[in-house]
Amino acid sequence: KVGTSDRAWFSSPATVAMGFGLLMLFAAQPVFWTLQTASSQVVLLMQGLLALLHAMSVGPLQVWMVLTLEDIRTRGSCLGIAYNLSSSLFGGTAPLIASAITAATGGPRGAGIYLSVVTWFSVSAIVVADRLHRRRAE
């Protein structure tokens, strides 16, 4: 079965997603710190880094969801609900929360803290889902 081997760190798409999610967790603070201190070229480079880390964590996660959910109707519903809930809860409120944190702290580093916290919840959810999947596969 795909995604149940422990032979290599990249053996499961969920493991790859967790790894890049953890990189995002630790990269968020330096990236938002550069908004105050660096030139526009460095800020653009850091934005590209965040986009790359996001793509490298979300891409394998979608593959993992498709491989683990066998019923097509369940797969479509789960992916649709997960995407729309996460987009509305986190994507829709992120500018408001980041603006409030930035105003309260006096700088954009608070938005990096928010991104780190949200990423921590995402990685935690992947860990729980992967463990449940591995138990069912045994």
Protein backbone atom coordinates (compact mmCIF):
# COMPACT_ATOMS: atom_id res chain seq x y z
CA LYS A 1 0.00 0.00 0.00
CA VAL A 2 1.24 3.47 -0.87
CA GLY A 3 2.17 5.70 2.04
CA THR A 4 2.66 3.01 4.69
CA SER A 5 6.37 2.19 4.32
CA ASP A 6 8.88 3.49 6.87
CA ARG A 7 11.97 2.80 4.76
CA ALA A 8 12.74 6.40 3.79
CA TRP A 9 11.64 9.86 4.87
CA PHE A 10 10.01 10.41 1.48
CA SER A 11 8.14 7.08 1.47
CA SER A 12 4.83 8.72 2.35
CA PRO A 13 3.46 11.91 0.79
CA ALA A 14 2.20 12.83 4.27
CA THR A 15 5.75 12.60 5.64
CA VAL A 16 7.03 14.89 2.89
CA ALA A 17 4.20 17.35 3.63
CA MET A 18 5.08 17.27 7.34
CA GLY A 19 8.75 17.92 6.60
CA PHE A 20 8.12 20.94 4.41
CA GLY A 21 5.46 22.16 6.84
CA LEU A 22 8.05 22.14 9.62
CA LEU A 23 10.43 24.09 7.38
CA MET A 24 7.65 26.64 6.86
CA LEU A 25 7.10 26.79 10.62
CA PHE A 26 10.71 27.83 11.20
CA ALA A 27 11.09 29.99 8.08
CA ALA A 28 8.10 32.24 8.82
CA GLN A 29 9.83 34.36 11.46
CA PRO A 30 12.95 35.24 9.43
CA VAL A 31 10.85 35.93 6.35
CA PHE A 32 8.64 38.43 8.14
CA TRP A 33 11.67 39.92 9.89
CA THR A 34 13.14 40.77 6.47
CA LEU A 35 10.07 42.90 5.67
CA GLN A 36 11.41 45.59 8.00
CA THR A 37 15.09 45.38 7.24
CA ALA A 38 15.76 44.15 3.73
CA SER A 39 15.55 45.50 0.22
CA SER A 40 12.64 44.73 -2.06
CA GLN A 41 14.68 42.07 -3.89
CA VAL A 42 15.33 40.17 -0.64
CA VAL A 43 11.66 40.47 0.34
CA LEU A 44 10.65 39.09 -3.06
CA LEU A 45 13.10 36.21 -2.65
CA MET A 46 11.66 35.42 0.81
CA GLN A 47 8.12 35.48 -0.57
CA GLY A 48 9.25 33.01 -3.21
CA LEU A 49 10.70 30.81 -0.46
CA LEU A 50 7.38 30.81 1.41
CA ALA A 51 5.50 30.01 -1.81
CA LEU A 52 7.88 27.13 -2.55
CA LEU A 53 7.55 25.69 0.96
CA HIS A 54 3.77 26.00 0.75
CA ALA A 55 3.66 24.21 -2.60
CA MET A 56 6.01 21.48 -1.38
CA SER A 57 3.79 20.80 1.63
CA VAL A 58 0.37 21.07 -0.02
CA GLY A 59 1.21 19.10 -3.19
CA PRO A 60 2.17 15.82 -1.49
CA LEU A 61 -0.70 16.23 0.94
CA GLN A 62 -3.22 16.26 -1.92
CA VAL A 63 -1.60 13.14 -3.38
CA TRP A 64 -1.78 11.44 0.02
CA MET A 65 -5.48 12.29 0.38
CA VAL A 66 -6.25 10.89 -3.07
CA LEU A 67 -4.31 7.69 -2.39
CA THR A 68 -5.80 7.01 1.05
CA LEU A 69 -9.45 7.76 0.31
CA GLU A 70 -10.63 4.94 -1.91
CA ASP A 71 -14.29 5.85 -2.45
CA ILE A 72 -14.51 8.56 -5.12
CA ARG A 73 -17.54 10.28 -3.56
CA THR A 74 -15.88 10.38 -0.16
CA ARG A 75 -12.65 11.64 -1.70
CA GLY A 76 -14.36 14.48 -3.51
CA SER A 77 -16.37 15.50 -0.48
CA CYS A 78 -13.38 15.37 1.88
CA LEU A 79 -11.12 17.34 -0.43
CA GLY A 80 -13.82 19.90 -1.19
CA ILE A 81 -14.83 20.44 2.43
CA ALA A 82 -11.22 20.58 3.65
CA TYR A 83 -10.18 23.06 0.96
CA ASN A 84 -13.16 25.37 1.36
CA LEU A 85 -13.09 25.36 5.17
CA SER A 86 -9.37 26.06 5.31
CA SER A 87 -9.61 28.77 2.66
CA SER A 88 -12.44 30.57 4.41
CA LEU A 89 -11.19 30.16 7.99
CA PHE A 90 -7.51 30.87 7.44
CA GLY A 91 -7.23 32.52 4.03
CA GLY A 92 -10.21 34.79 4.58
CA THR A 93 -9.26 35.93 8.07
CA ALA A 94 -5.47 36.04 7.62
CA PRO A 95 -5.28 39.67 6.41
CA LEU A 96 -7.48 40.85 9.29
CA ILE A 97 -5.54 38.91 11.92
CA ALA A 98 -2.14 39.83 10.44
CA SER A 99 -3.13 43.52 10.36
CA ALA A 100 -4.31 43.39 13.98
CA ILE A 101 -1.13 41.64 15.13
CA THR A 102 1.03 44.07 13.15
CA ALA A 103 -0.77 47.05 14.70
CA ALA A 104 -0.44 45.59 18.19
CA THR A 105 3.25 44.69 17.91
CA GLY A 106 4.36 47.63 15.78
CA GLY A 107 5.88 45.48 13.05
CA PRO A 108 5.21 42.62 10.65
CA ARG A 109 6.93 39.97 12.79
CA GLY A 110 3.61 39.24 14.50
CA ALA A 111 2.25 38.01 11.18
CA GLY A 112 5.12 35.52 11.12
CA ILE A 113 4.03 34.27 14.53
CA TYR A 114 0.49 33.84 13.21
CA LEU A 115 1.79 31.89 10.20
CA SER A 116 3.89 29.69 12.50
CA VAL A 117 0.92 28.94 14.76
CA VAL A 118 -1.35 28.07 11.83
CA THR A 119 1.39 25.90 10.31
CA TRP A 120 1.82 24.10 13.63
CA PHE A 121 -1.89 23.22 13.62
CA SER A 122 -1.62 21.99 10.02
CA VAL A 123 1.38 19.78 10.71
CA SER A 124 -0.32 18.42 13.84
CA ALA A 125 -3.40 17.51 11.80
CA ILE A 126 -1.23 15.74 9.21
CA VAL A 127 0.51 13.75 11.97
CA VAL A 128 -2.82 12.62 13.46
CA ALA A 129 -4.30 11.74 10.07
CA ASP A 130 -1.17 9.83 9.03
CA ARG A 131 -1.15 7.81 12.26
CA LEU A 132 -4.83 6.94 11.85
CA HIS A 133 -4.19 5.85 8.26
CA ARG A 134 -1.21 3.68 9.27
CA ARG A 135 -3.28 1.98 12.00
CA ARG A 136 -6.03 1.16 9.53
CA ALA A 137 -3.50 -0.17 7.02
CA GLU A 138 -2.07 -2.67 9.53
